[in-house]
Amino acid sequence: MDYIHEIIRRYFNNRYSKTLETKIQHWLCEDEQVEAKDEELFHCWNEVKANVGNWEMKDSWNRIACRLNFRKTRMIRSKYGYAAVSFLFCILVASVWFWRTGEAVSTQIIATGKGEFKTISLPDGSTVYLSSSSEIIYPKEFNDTVRCVDLKGEAWFDVIHIQNKPFIVKSGCLKAIVIGTVFRACLNFI
């Protein structure tokens, strides 16, 4: 792993262009060869520590942190932290409101075991053929401007055509939007 040591050593000695520095920063944060990179970073830190007195250690760390943009990351994290807290507060307020008014949307969860298949009729008249080891979550009534279901696994859909009310299947980070058709949706687990 001598090449990792050489890349890191040159990086800390300012021997790369700005563009290449950015690529090296991304490479240092990737999940590949984490142990080797950590070991070489530790080795470089020990070299700095051996060459510099203890009174300069904090200054050395600050220079390394600046080179790796650690301070910028903290600022971004704090912004995301505030956004997350605000979002959670909004969720809490909405939950209390729905709980007090009793207008929360009730959902139906249907799951199949290994080797089991089910046929489900949705509230709009659409039909879902749920495959083995799959799960579908849908509201008991489609009162919204869309008809939305969540799918984990595999299913065959026969969707009733409603022009102004699209049918949405969410499966992991994928989303299929249709008006009315027959199709198969699948989210394979690795």
N, C-alpha and C. Protein backbone atom coordinates (compact mmCIF):
# COMPACT_ATOMS: atom_id res chain seq x y z
N MET A 1 0.81 -1.19 0.00
CA MET A 1 0.00 0.00 0.00
C MET A 1 0.87 1.27 0.00
N ASP A 2 2.05 1.19 -0.57
CA ASP A 2 2.94 2.34 -0.61
C ASP A 2 2.34 3.50 -1.40
N TYR A 3 1.53 3.19 -2.42
CA TYR A 3 0.95 4.26 -3.21
C TYR A 3 -0.02 5.09 -2.39
N ILE A 4 -0.73 4.48 -1.45
CA ILE A 4 -1.64 5.23 -0.58
C ILE A 4 -0.83 6.20 0.28
N HIS A 5 0.27 5.70 0.84
CA HIS A 5 1.14 6.56 1.66
C HIS A 5 1.66 7.73 0.84
N GLU A 6 2.08 7.46 -0.38
CA GLU A 6 2.65 8.51 -1.23
C GLU A 6 1.60 9.55 -1.60
N ILE A 7 0.37 9.11 -1.91
CA ILE A 7 -0.72 10.04 -2.25
C ILE A 7 -1.01 10.95 -1.06
N ILE A 8 -1.13 10.34 0.12
CA ILE A 8 -1.46 11.12 1.32
C ILE A 8 -0.32 12.07 1.68
N ARG A 9 0.92 11.59 1.61
CA ARG A 9 2.08 12.42 1.94
C ARG A 9 2.14 13.64 1.01
N ARG A 10 1.98 13.41 -0.28
CA ARG A 10 2.00 14.52 -1.24
C ARG A 10 0.83 15.47 -1.01
N TYR A 11 -0.31 14.91 -0.65
CA TYR A 11 -1.49 15.74 -0.39
C TYR A 11 -1.21 16.72 0.75
N PHE A 12 -0.63 16.24 1.84
CA PHE A 12 -0.36 17.11 2.98
C PHE A 12 0.81 18.06 2.73
N ASN A 13 1.61 17.79 1.74
CA ASN A 13 2.72 18.68 1.39
C ASN A 13 2.35 19.64 0.25
N ASN A 14 1.06 19.76 -0.07
CA ASN A 14 0.55 20.69 -1.09
C ASN A 14 1.18 20.46 -2.46
N ARG A 15 1.24 19.25 -2.92
CA ARG A 15 1.86 18.95 -4.20
C ARG A 15 0.84 18.60 -5.30
N TYR A 16 -0.42 18.94 -5.09
CA TYR A 16 -1.44 18.66 -6.09
C TYR A 16 -2.16 19.94 -6.45
N SER A 17 -2.76 19.94 -7.64
CA SER A 17 -3.59 21.08 -8.05
C SER A 17 -4.90 21.04 -7.26
N LYS A 18 -5.63 22.16 -7.24
CA LYS A 18 -6.89 22.24 -6.50
C LYS A 18 -7.88 21.17 -6.95
N THR A 19 -7.98 20.95 -8.27
CA THR A 19 -8.90 19.94 -8.81
C THR A 19 -8.54 18.56 -8.29
N LEU A 20 -7.27 18.23 -8.32
CA LEU A 20 -6.83 16.92 -7.86
C LEU A 20 -6.98 16.81 -6.35
N GLU A 21 -6.77 17.90 -5.62
CA GLU A 21 -6.97 17.88 -4.17
C GLU A 21 -8.40 17.50 -3.83
N THR A 22 -9.35 18.07 -4.56
CA THR A 22 -10.76 17.76 -4.32
C THR A 22 -11.03 16.28 -4.57
N LYS A 23 -10.49 15.75 -5.63
CA LYS A 23 -10.68 14.33 -5.94
C LYS A 23 -10.07 13.46 -4.84
N ILE A 24 -8.90 13.87 -4.33
CA ILE A 24 -8.25 13.09 -3.26
C ILE A 24 -9.08 13.17 -1.98
N GLN A 25 -9.66 14.32 -1.69
CA GLN A 25 -10.52 14.43 -0.52
C GLN A 25 -11.70 13.47 -0.62
N HIS A 26 -12.32 13.39 -1.80
CA HIS A 26 -13.43 12.46 -2.00
C HIS A 26 -12.94 11.02 -1.86
N TRP A 27 -11.77 10.73 -2.41
CA TRP A 27 -11.19 9.39 -2.34
C TRP A 27 -10.93 9.00 -0.89
N LEU A 28 -10.45 9.95 -0.07
CA LEU A 28 -10.20 9.66 1.34
C LEU A 28 -11.48 9.32 2.08
N CYS A 29 -12.60 9.87 1.65
CA CYS A 29 -13.88 9.63 2.32
C CYS A 29 -14.62 8.41 1.81
N GLU A 30 -14.17 7.81 0.72
CA GLU A 30 -14.84 6.63 0.16
C GLU A 30 -14.65 5.42 1.08
N ASP A 31 -15.52 4.43 0.91
CA ASP A 31 -15.50 3.24 1.75
C ASP A 31 -14.48 2.19 1.31
N GLU A 32 -13.84 2.40 0.18
CA GLU A 32 -12.87 1.42 -0.30
C GLU A 32 -11.54 1.59 0.43
N GLN A 33 -10.92 0.51 0.83
CA GLN A 33 -9.61 0.48 1.46
C GLN A 33 -9.54 1.40 2.68
N VAL A 34 -10.58 1.42 3.48
CA VAL A 34 -10.67 2.33 4.62
C VAL A 34 -9.54 2.06 5.62
N GLU A 35 -9.31 0.80 5.91
CA GLU A 35 -8.29 0.47 6.90
C GLU A 35 -6.90 0.92 6.45
N ALA A 36 -6.58 0.70 5.18
CA ALA A 36 -5.27 1.10 4.68
C ALA A 36 -5.12 2.62 4.70
N LYS A 37 -6.17 3.34 4.33
CA LYS A 37 -6.12 4.80 4.35
C LYS A 37 -5.98 5.31 5.78
N ASP A 38 -6.75 4.73 6.71
CA ASP A 38 -6.66 5.14 8.10
C ASP A 38 -5.27 4.90 8.66
N GLU A 39 -4.71 3.76 8.32
CA GLU A 39 -3.37 3.42 8.79
C GLU A 39 -2.34 4.44 8.27
N GLU A 40 -2.44 4.79 6.99
CA GLU A 40 -1.50 5.75 6.42
C GLU A 40 -1.71 7.15 6.97
N LEU A 41 -2.97 7.54 7.21
CA LEU A 41 -3.23 8.83 7.83
C LEU A 41 -2.64 8.88 9.24
N PHE A 42 -2.79 7.79 9.98
CA PHE A 42 -2.21 7.69 11.32
C PHE A 42 -0.69 7.78 11.24
N HIS A 43 -0.13 7.10 10.25
CA HIS A 43 1.32 7.12 10.06
C HIS A 43 1.79 8.55 9.75
N CYS A 44 1.09 9.25 8.86
CA CYS A 44 1.44 10.64 8.54
C CYS A 44 1.32 11.53 9.77
N TRP A 45 0.29 11.31 10.56
CA TRP A 45 0.10 12.08 11.79
C TRP A 45 1.29 11.86 12.74
N ASN A 46 1.73 10.61 12.86
CA ASN A 46 2.87 10.32 13.73
C ASN A 46 4.14 10.97 13.21
N GLU A 47 4.30 11.05 11.88
CA GLU A 47 5.45 11.74 11.31
C GLU A 47 5.43 13.22 11.68
N VAL A 48 4.26 13.83 11.58
CA VAL A 48 4.12 15.24 11.95
C VAL A 48 4.42 15.40 13.45
N LYS A 49 3.89 14.48 14.25
CA LYS A 49 4.06 14.54 15.70
C LYS A 49 5.54 14.40 16.08
N ALA A 50 6.27 13.55 15.37
CA ALA A 50 7.69 13.34 15.66
C ALA A 50 8.52 14.55 15.26
N ASN A 51 8.11 15.25 14.22
CA ASN A 51 8.88 16.38 13.72
C ASN A 51 8.54 17.71 14.40
N VAL A 52 7.46 17.74 15.15
CA VAL A 52 6.99 18.97 15.75
C VAL A 52 6.84 18.78 17.24
N GLY A 53 7.11 19.80 18.01
CA GLY A 53 6.92 19.74 19.46
C GLY A 53 5.45 19.69 19.83
N ASN A 54 5.15 19.29 21.08
CA ASN A 54 3.77 19.17 21.55
C ASN A 54 3.02 20.50 21.49
N TRP A 55 3.71 21.63 21.67
CA TRP A 55 3.04 22.91 21.65
C TRP A 55 2.51 23.28 20.27
N GLU A 56 3.04 22.61 19.22
CA GLU A 56 2.57 22.88 17.87
C GLU A 56 1.56 21.83 17.38
N MET A 57 1.23 20.86 18.22
CA MET A 57 0.32 19.78 17.81
C MET A 57 -1.07 20.32 17.45
N LYS A 58 -1.58 21.23 18.27
CA LYS A 58 -2.92 21.76 18.01
C LYS A 58 -2.93 22.53 16.69
N ASP A 59 -1.90 23.31 16.47
CA ASP A 59 -1.78 24.05 15.21
C ASP A 59 -1.70 23.10 14.02
N SER A 60 -0.95 22.01 14.17
CA SER A 60 -0.84 21.01 13.10
C SER A 60 -2.20 20.39 12.80
N TRP A 61 -2.91 20.04 13.86
CA TRP A 61 -4.24 19.44 13.65
C TRP A 61 -5.17 20.43 12.95
N ASN A 62 -5.12 21.68 13.34
CA ASN A 62 -5.97 22.69 12.71
C ASN A 62 -5.64 22.83 11.23
N ARG A 63 -4.36 22.77 10.87
CA ARG A 63 -3.99 22.85 9.46
C ARG A 63 -4.51 21.64 8.69
N ILE A 64 -4.41 20.45 9.29
CA ILE A 64 -4.93 19.23 8.63
C ILE A 64 -6.44 19.32 8.50
N ALA A 65 -7.11 19.78 9.55
CA ALA A 65 -8.58 19.90 9.51
C ALA A 65 -9.01 20.89 8.43
N CYS A 66 -8.27 21.98 8.29
CA CYS A 66 -8.60 22.95 7.23
C CYS A 66 -8.40 22.33 5.85
N ARG A 67 -7.33 21.58 5.67
CA ARG A 67 -7.05 20.95 4.37
C ARG A 67 -8.14 19.95 4.00
N LEU A 68 -8.71 19.27 5.02
CA LEU A 68 -9.74 18.27 4.75
C LEU A 68 -11.14 18.85 4.84
N ASN A 69 -11.25 20.16 5.05
CA ASN A 69 -12.55 20.84 5.13
C ASN A 69 -13.43 20.33 6.26
N PHE A 70 -12.83 19.96 7.39
CA PHE A 70 -13.63 19.48 8.53
C PHE A 70 -14.52 20.59 9.08
N ARG A 71 -14.02 21.82 9.12
CA ARG A 71 -14.81 22.91 9.68
C ARG A 71 -16.04 23.20 8.83
N LYS A 72 -15.89 23.15 7.53
CA LYS A 72 -17.02 23.36 6.63
C LYS A 72 -18.06 22.27 6.85
N THR A 73 -17.60 21.02 7.05
CA THR A 73 -18.52 19.91 7.26
C THR A 73 -19.34 20.11 8.52
N ARG A 74 -18.70 20.59 9.59
CA ARG A 74 -19.44 20.82 10.83
C ARG A 74 -20.52 21.86 10.63
N MET A 75 -20.22 22.91 9.87
CA MET A 75 -21.20 23.95 9.63
C MET A 75 -22.38 23.38 8.85
N ILE A 76 -22.10 22.58 7.84
CA ILE A 76 -23.16 21.97 7.04
C ILE A 76 -23.99 21.04 7.92
N ARG A 77 -23.31 20.25 8.75
CA ARG A 77 -24.04 19.34 9.63
C ARG A 77 -24.95 20.11 10.58
N SER A 78 -24.47 21.24 11.10
CA SER A 78 -25.30 22.00 12.03
C SER A 78 -26.52 22.56 11.30
N LYS A 79 -26.34 23.00 10.03
CA LYS A 79 -27.49 23.48 9.26
C LYS A 79 -28.49 22.35 9.06
N TYR A 80 -27.98 21.16 8.70
CA TYR A 80 -28.88 20.02 8.53
C TYR A 80 -29.50 19.63 9.86
N GLY A 81 -28.76 19.79 10.94
CA GLY A 81 -29.30 19.48 12.27
C GLY A 81 -30.48 20.36 12.60
N TYR A 82 -30.33 21.68 12.33
CA TYR A 82 -31.44 22.59 12.57
C TYR A 82 -32.64 22.25 11.69
N ALA A 83 -32.37 21.91 10.45
CA ALA A 83 -33.45 21.53 9.54
C ALA A 83 -34.15 20.26 10.03
N ALA A 84 -33.36 19.30 10.50
CA ALA A 84 -33.94 18.05 11.00
C ALA A 84 -34.80 18.30 12.23
N VAL A 85 -34.33 19.12 13.15
CA VAL A 85 -35.10 19.42 14.36
C VAL A 85 -36.39 20.14 13.98
N SER A 86 -36.30 21.09 13.04
CA SER A 86 -37.51 21.80 12.59
C SER A 86 -38.50 20.84 11.95
N PHE A 87 -37.98 19.92 11.13
CA PHE A 87 -38.84 18.94 10.46
C PHE A 87 -39.52 18.04 11.50
N LEU A 88 -38.77 17.56 12.48
CA LEU A 88 -39.34 16.71 13.52
C LEU A 88 -40.39 17.46 14.33
N PHE A 89 -40.15 18.73 14.59
CA PHE A 89 -41.13 19.53 15.31
C PHE A 89 -42.42 19.64 14.51
N CYS A 90 -42.30 19.88 13.20
CA CYS A 90 -43.49 19.96 12.34
C CYS A 90 -44.25 18.64 12.33
N ILE A 91 -43.51 17.53 12.27
CA ILE A 91 -44.14 16.20 12.31
C ILE A 91 -44.90 16.01 13.62
N LEU A 92 -44.28 16.42 14.72
CA LEU A 92 -44.92 16.30 16.03
C LEU A 92 -46.21 17.10 16.08
N VAL A 93 -46.16 18.34 15.62
CA VAL A 93 -47.34 19.20 15.62
C VAL A 93 -48.44 18.60 14.75
N ALA A 94 -48.08 18.13 13.55
CA ALA A 94 -49.07 17.52 12.65
C ALA A 94 -49.67 16.26 13.26
N SER A 95 -48.84 15.45 13.93
CA SER A 95 -49.33 14.21 14.56
C SER A 95 -50.33 14.53 15.66
N VAL A 96 -50.00 15.51 16.49
CA VAL A 96 -50.93 15.90 17.57
C VAL A 96 -52.23 16.42 16.97
N TRP A 97 -52.11 17.22 15.91
CA TRP A 97 -53.32 17.74 15.28
C TRP A 97 -54.20 16.62 14.73
N PHE A 98 -53.58 15.66 14.00
CA PHE A 98 -54.35 14.53 13.46
C PHE A 98 -54.95 13.69 14.59
N TRP A 99 -54.20 13.51 15.65
CA TRP A 99 -54.69 12.70 16.77
C TRP A 99 -55.89 13.37 17.42
N ARG A 100 -55.84 14.70 17.57
CA ARG A 100 -56.94 15.42 18.21
C ARG A 100 -58.17 15.49 17.31
N THR A 101 -57.96 15.66 16.00
CA THR A 101 -59.11 15.80 15.10
C THR A 101 -59.65 14.45 14.65
N GLY A 102 -58.85 13.38 14.80
CA GLY A 102 -59.30 12.05 14.42
C GLY A 102 -59.36 11.84 12.92
N GLU A 103 -58.66 12.68 12.15
CA GLU A 103 -58.71 12.58 10.70
C GLU A 103 -57.49 11.90 10.10
N ALA A 104 -56.77 11.18 10.91
CA ALA A 104 -55.58 10.51 10.39
C ALA A 104 -56.00 9.43 9.39
N VAL A 105 -55.21 9.29 8.35
CA VAL A 105 -55.51 8.30 7.32
C VAL A 105 -55.13 6.92 7.84
N SER A 106 -56.09 6.01 7.83
CA SER A 106 -55.77 4.65 8.27
C SER A 106 -55.27 3.85 7.07
N THR A 107 -54.30 3.01 7.34
CA THR A 107 -53.68 2.25 6.25
C THR A 107 -53.91 0.76 6.45
N GLN A 108 -53.77 0.09 5.35
CA GLN A 108 -53.89 -1.36 5.30
C GLN A 108 -52.52 -1.92 4.92
N ILE A 109 -52.05 -2.93 5.64
CA ILE A 109 -50.77 -3.57 5.33
C ILE A 109 -51.05 -5.04 5.04
N ILE A 110 -50.67 -5.47 3.85
CA ILE A 110 -50.83 -6.87 3.44
C ILE A 110 -49.45 -7.42 3.12
N ALA A 111 -49.11 -8.56 3.70
CA ALA A 111 -47.80 -9.17 3.46
C ALA A 111 -47.99 -10.65 3.12
N THR A 112 -47.05 -11.17 2.35
CA THR A 112 -47.06 -12.59 2.01
C THR A 112 -45.78 -13.22 2.54
N GLY A 113 -45.89 -14.48 2.90
CA GLY A 113 -44.72 -15.23 3.33
C GLY A 113 -44.05 -15.90 2.14
N LYS A 114 -43.03 -16.66 2.44
CA LYS A 114 -42.30 -17.37 1.39
C LYS A 114 -43.22 -18.41 0.74
N GLY A 115 -43.34 -18.35 -0.57
CA GLY A 115 -44.18 -19.28 -1.32
C GLY A 115 -45.66 -18.92 -1.30
N GLU A 116 -46.04 -17.80 -0.71
CA GLU A 116 -47.44 -17.39 -0.58
C GLU A 116 -47.74 -16.25 -1.57
N PHE A 117 -48.91 -16.29 -2.19
CA PHE A 117 -49.35 -15.25 -3.12
C PHE A 117 -50.73 -14.79 -2.70
N LYS A 118 -51.02 -13.48 -2.90
CA LYS A 118 -52.34 -12.95 -2.53
C LYS A 118 -52.86 -12.04 -3.62
N THR A 119 -54.19 -12.01 -3.77
CA THR A 119 -54.87 -11.08 -4.66
C THR A 119 -55.58 -10.07 -3.79
N ILE A 120 -55.34 -8.79 -4.06
CA ILE A 120 -55.88 -7.71 -3.23
C ILE A 120 -56.68 -6.77 -4.10
N SER A 121 -57.86 -6.40 -3.64
CA SER A 121 -58.66 -5.37 -4.31
C SER A 121 -58.48 -4.07 -3.56
N LEU A 122 -58.00 -3.06 -4.25
CA LEU A 122 -57.78 -1.75 -3.64
C LEU A 122 -59.09 -0.97 -3.59
N PRO A 123 -59.16 0.08 -2.77
CA PRO A 123 -60.40 0.86 -2.62
C PRO A 123 -60.93 1.46 -3.92
N ASP A 124 -60.07 1.70 -4.92
CA ASP A 124 -60.53 2.29 -6.19
C ASP A 124 -60.96 1.22 -7.20
N GLY A 125 -60.87 -0.06 -6.82
CA GLY A 125 -61.25 -1.14 -7.72
C GLY A 125 -60.07 -1.77 -8.45
N SER A 126 -58.89 -1.20 -8.31
CA SER A 126 -57.69 -1.79 -8.92
C SER A 126 -57.36 -3.10 -8.22
N THR A 127 -56.66 -3.99 -8.94
CA THR A 127 -56.30 -5.30 -8.39
C THR A 127 -54.79 -5.43 -8.32
N VAL A 128 -54.32 -6.00 -7.21
CA VAL A 128 -52.89 -6.23 -7.02
C VAL A 128 -52.71 -7.72 -6.76
N TYR A 129 -51.79 -8.33 -7.49
CA TYR A 129 -51.41 -9.72 -7.28
C TYR A 129 -50.05 -9.69 -6.59
N LEU A 130 -50.05 -9.91 -5.28
CA LEU A 130 -48.84 -9.79 -4.47
C LEU A 130 -48.06 -11.10 -4.51
N SER A 131 -46.78 -11.01 -4.90
CA SER A 131 -45.93 -12.20 -5.00
C SER A 131 -45.41 -12.64 -3.64
N SER A 132 -44.68 -13.71 -3.65
CA SER A 132 -44.11 -14.31 -2.45
C SER A 132 -43.14 -13.35 -1.76
N SER A 133 -43.14 -13.38 -0.43
CA SER A 133 -42.24 -12.57 0.40
C SER A 133 -42.32 -11.08 0.05
N SER A 134 -43.53 -10.56 -0.09
CA SER A 134 -43.73 -9.16 -0.46
C SER A 134 -44.69 -8.49 0.50
N GLU A 135 -44.74 -7.16 0.43
CA GLU A 135 -45.62 -6.39 1.32
C GLU A 135 -46.12 -5.16 0.58
N ILE A 136 -47.40 -4.83 0.78
CA ILE A 136 -47.97 -3.62 0.20
C ILE A 136 -48.69 -2.86 1.30
N ILE A 137 -48.51 -1.53 1.29
CA ILE A 137 -49.17 -0.65 2.25
C ILE A 137 -49.97 0.36 1.45
N TYR A 138 -51.26 0.51 1.79
CA TYR A 138 -52.12 1.44 1.07
C TYR A 138 -53.19 1.97 2.01
N PRO A 139 -53.74 3.17 1.73
CA PRO A 139 -54.79 3.70 2.60
C PRO A 139 -56.10 2.94 2.40
N LYS A 140 -56.91 2.92 3.43
CA LYS A 140 -58.20 2.22 3.32
C LYS A 140 -59.13 2.92 2.35
N GLU A 141 -58.89 4.23 2.12
CA GLU A 141 -59.65 4.99 1.13
C GLU A 141 -58.70 5.93 0.41
N PHE A 142 -58.88 6.07 -0.92
CA PHE A 142 -58.07 6.99 -1.70
C PHE A 142 -58.80 8.34 -1.75
N ASN A 143 -58.70 9.14 -0.68
CA ASN A 143 -59.39 10.42 -0.61
C ASN A 143 -58.56 11.57 -1.19
N ASP A 144 -57.31 11.33 -1.43
CA ASP A 144 -56.40 12.37 -1.91
C ASP A 144 -56.55 12.54 -3.42
N THR A 145 -55.77 13.46 -3.99
CA THR A 145 -55.79 13.68 -5.43
C THR A 145 -54.97 12.63 -6.17
N VAL A 146 -54.28 11.78 -5.43
CA VAL A 146 -53.52 10.68 -6.02
C VAL A 146 -53.86 9.39 -5.28
N ARG A 147 -53.59 8.28 -5.95
CA ARG A 147 -53.73 6.96 -5.32
C ARG A 147 -52.32 6.43 -5.13
N CYS A 148 -51.89 6.33 -3.88
CA CYS A 148 -50.50 5.99 -3.61
C CYS A 148 -50.40 4.72 -2.77
N VAL A 149 -49.51 3.81 -3.18
CA VAL A 149 -49.24 2.58 -2.43
C VAL A 149 -47.73 2.42 -2.28
N ASP A 150 -47.32 1.75 -1.21
CA ASP A 150 -45.91 1.42 -0.99
C ASP A 150 -45.75 -0.08 -1.18
N LEU A 151 -44.69 -0.47 -1.90
CA LEU A 151 -44.45 -1.88 -2.20
C LEU A 151 -43.04 -2.27 -1.77
N LYS A 152 -42.97 -3.41 -1.09
CA LYS A 152 -41.68 -4.04 -0.80
C LYS A 152 -41.78 -5.44 -1.38
N GLY A 153 -40.96 -5.73 -2.35
CA GLY A 153 -41.00 -7.03 -3.00
C GLY A 153 -41.50 -6.92 -4.42
N GLU A 154 -42.44 -7.81 -4.80
CA GLU A 154 -42.88 -7.88 -6.19
C GLU A 154 -44.40 -8.01 -6.25
N ALA A 155 -45.01 -7.32 -7.22
CA ALA A 155 -46.46 -7.40 -7.40
C ALA A 155 -46.82 -7.09 -8.85
N TRP A 156 -47.97 -7.59 -9.27
CA TRP A 156 -48.53 -7.33 -10.58
C TRP A 156 -49.75 -6.45 -10.35
N PHE A 157 -49.83 -5.30 -11.06
CA PHE A 157 -50.90 -4.34 -10.85
C PHE A 157 -51.82 -4.28 -12.06
N ASP A 158 -53.12 -4.28 -11.82
CA ASP A 158 -54.14 -4.02 -12.84
C ASP A 158 -54.89 -2.78 -12.34
N VAL A 159 -54.47 -1.61 -12.83
CA VAL A 159 -54.94 -0.33 -12.30
C VAL A 159 -56.16 0.16 -13.07
N ILE A 160 -57.19 0.54 -12.33
CA ILE A 160 -58.40 1.13 -12.90
C ILE A 160 -58.07 2.55 -13.38
N HIS A 161 -58.54 2.89 -14.57
CA HIS A 161 -58.26 4.20 -15.18
C HIS A 161 -59.13 5.28 -14.52
N ILE A 162 -58.47 6.24 -13.88
CA ILE A 162 -59.14 7.44 -13.37
C ILE A 162 -58.29 8.61 -13.84
N GLN A 163 -58.80 9.40 -14.76
CA GLN A 163 -58.02 10.42 -15.46
C GLN A 163 -57.35 11.42 -14.53
N ASN A 164 -58.06 11.96 -13.57
CA ASN A 164 -57.53 13.04 -12.73
C ASN A 164 -56.93 12.54 -11.42
N LYS A 165 -56.74 11.24 -11.30
CA LYS A 165 -56.21 10.67 -10.05
C LYS A 165 -55.13 9.65 -10.39
N PRO A 166 -53.87 10.08 -10.55
CA PRO A 166 -52.80 9.15 -10.90
C PRO A 166 -52.57 8.10 -9.81
N PHE A 167 -52.11 6.95 -10.25
CA PHE A 167 -51.80 5.83 -9.36
C PHE A 167 -50.28 5.80 -9.20
N ILE A 168 -49.80 5.84 -7.95
CA ILE A 168 -48.36 5.89 -7.69
C ILE A 168 -47.96 4.67 -6.87
N VAL A 169 -46.92 3.99 -7.35
CA VAL A 169 -46.33 2.87 -6.61
C VAL A 169 -44.93 3.30 -6.17
N LYS A 170 -44.72 3.37 -4.86
CA LYS A 170 -43.40 3.68 -4.32
C LYS A 170 -42.76 2.37 -3.89
N SER A 171 -41.55 2.15 -4.36
CA SER A 171 -40.82 0.92 -4.04
C SER A 171 -39.37 1.31 -3.78
N GLY A 172 -39.00 1.40 -2.51
CA GLY A 172 -37.66 1.86 -2.18
C GLY A 172 -37.53 3.31 -2.59
N CYS A 173 -36.49 3.65 -3.35
CA CYS A 173 -36.32 5.03 -3.81
C CYS A 173 -36.91 5.22 -5.21
N LEU A 174 -37.60 4.23 -5.72
CA LEU A 174 -38.22 4.33 -7.04
C LEU A 174 -39.70 4.65 -6.90
N LYS A 175 -40.25 5.31 -7.95
CA LYS A 175 -41.65 5.66 -7.94
C LYS A 175 -42.20 5.51 -9.35
N ALA A 176 -43.30 4.78 -9.50
CA ALA A 176 -43.97 4.63 -10.80
C ALA A 176 -45.32 5.34 -10.72
N ILE A 177 -45.59 6.20 -11.72
CA ILE A 177 -46.85 6.95 -11.76
C ILE A 177 -47.58 6.57 -13.04
N VAL A 178 -48.83 6.09 -12.88
CA VAL A 178 -49.64 5.70 -14.03
C VAL A 178 -51.07 6.22 -13.83
N ILE A 179 -51.83 6.25 -14.90
CA ILE A 179 -53.25 6.63 -14.82
C ILE A 179 -54.10 5.36 -14.74
N GLY A 180 -53.81 4.41 -15.59
CA GLY A 180 -54.52 3.14 -15.61
C GLY A 180 -53.85 2.21 -16.59
N THR A 181 -53.38 1.08 -16.14
CA THR A 181 -52.67 0.14 -16.99
C THR A 181 -52.41 -1.15 -16.21
N VAL A 182 -51.78 -2.08 -16.88
CA VAL A 182 -51.36 -3.33 -16.23
C VAL A 182 -49.84 -3.35 -16.27
N PHE A 183 -49.21 -3.57 -15.11
CA PHE A 183 -47.75 -3.61 -15.07
C PHE A 183 -47.28 -4.41 -13.87
N ARG A 184 -45.99 -4.74 -13.90
CA ARG A 184 -45.34 -5.48 -12.81
C ARG A 184 -44.33 -4.54 -12.15
N ALA A 185 -44.34 -4.48 -10.84
CA ALA A 185 -43.37 -3.69 -10.09
C ALA A 185 -42.59 -4.63 -9.20
N CYS A 186 -41.29 -4.35 -9.06
CA CYS A 186 -40.45 -5.26 -8.30
C CYS A 186 -39.33 -4.48 -7.63
N LEU A 187 -39.08 -4.77 -6.37
CA LEU A 187 -37.93 -4.25 -5.65
C LEU A 187 -37.19 -5.47 -5.11
N ASN A 188 -36.08 -5.81 -5.75
CA ASN A 188 -35.32 -6.99 -5.33
C ASN A 188 -34.40 -6.62 -4.20
N PHE A 189 -34.39 -7.44 -3.16
CA PHE A 189 -33.51 -7.24 -2.03
C PHE A 189 -32.25 -8.03 -2.26
N ILE A 190 -31.10 -7.41 -1.95
CA ILE A 190 -29.81 -8.09 -2.14
C ILE A 190 -29.42 -8.75 -0.86
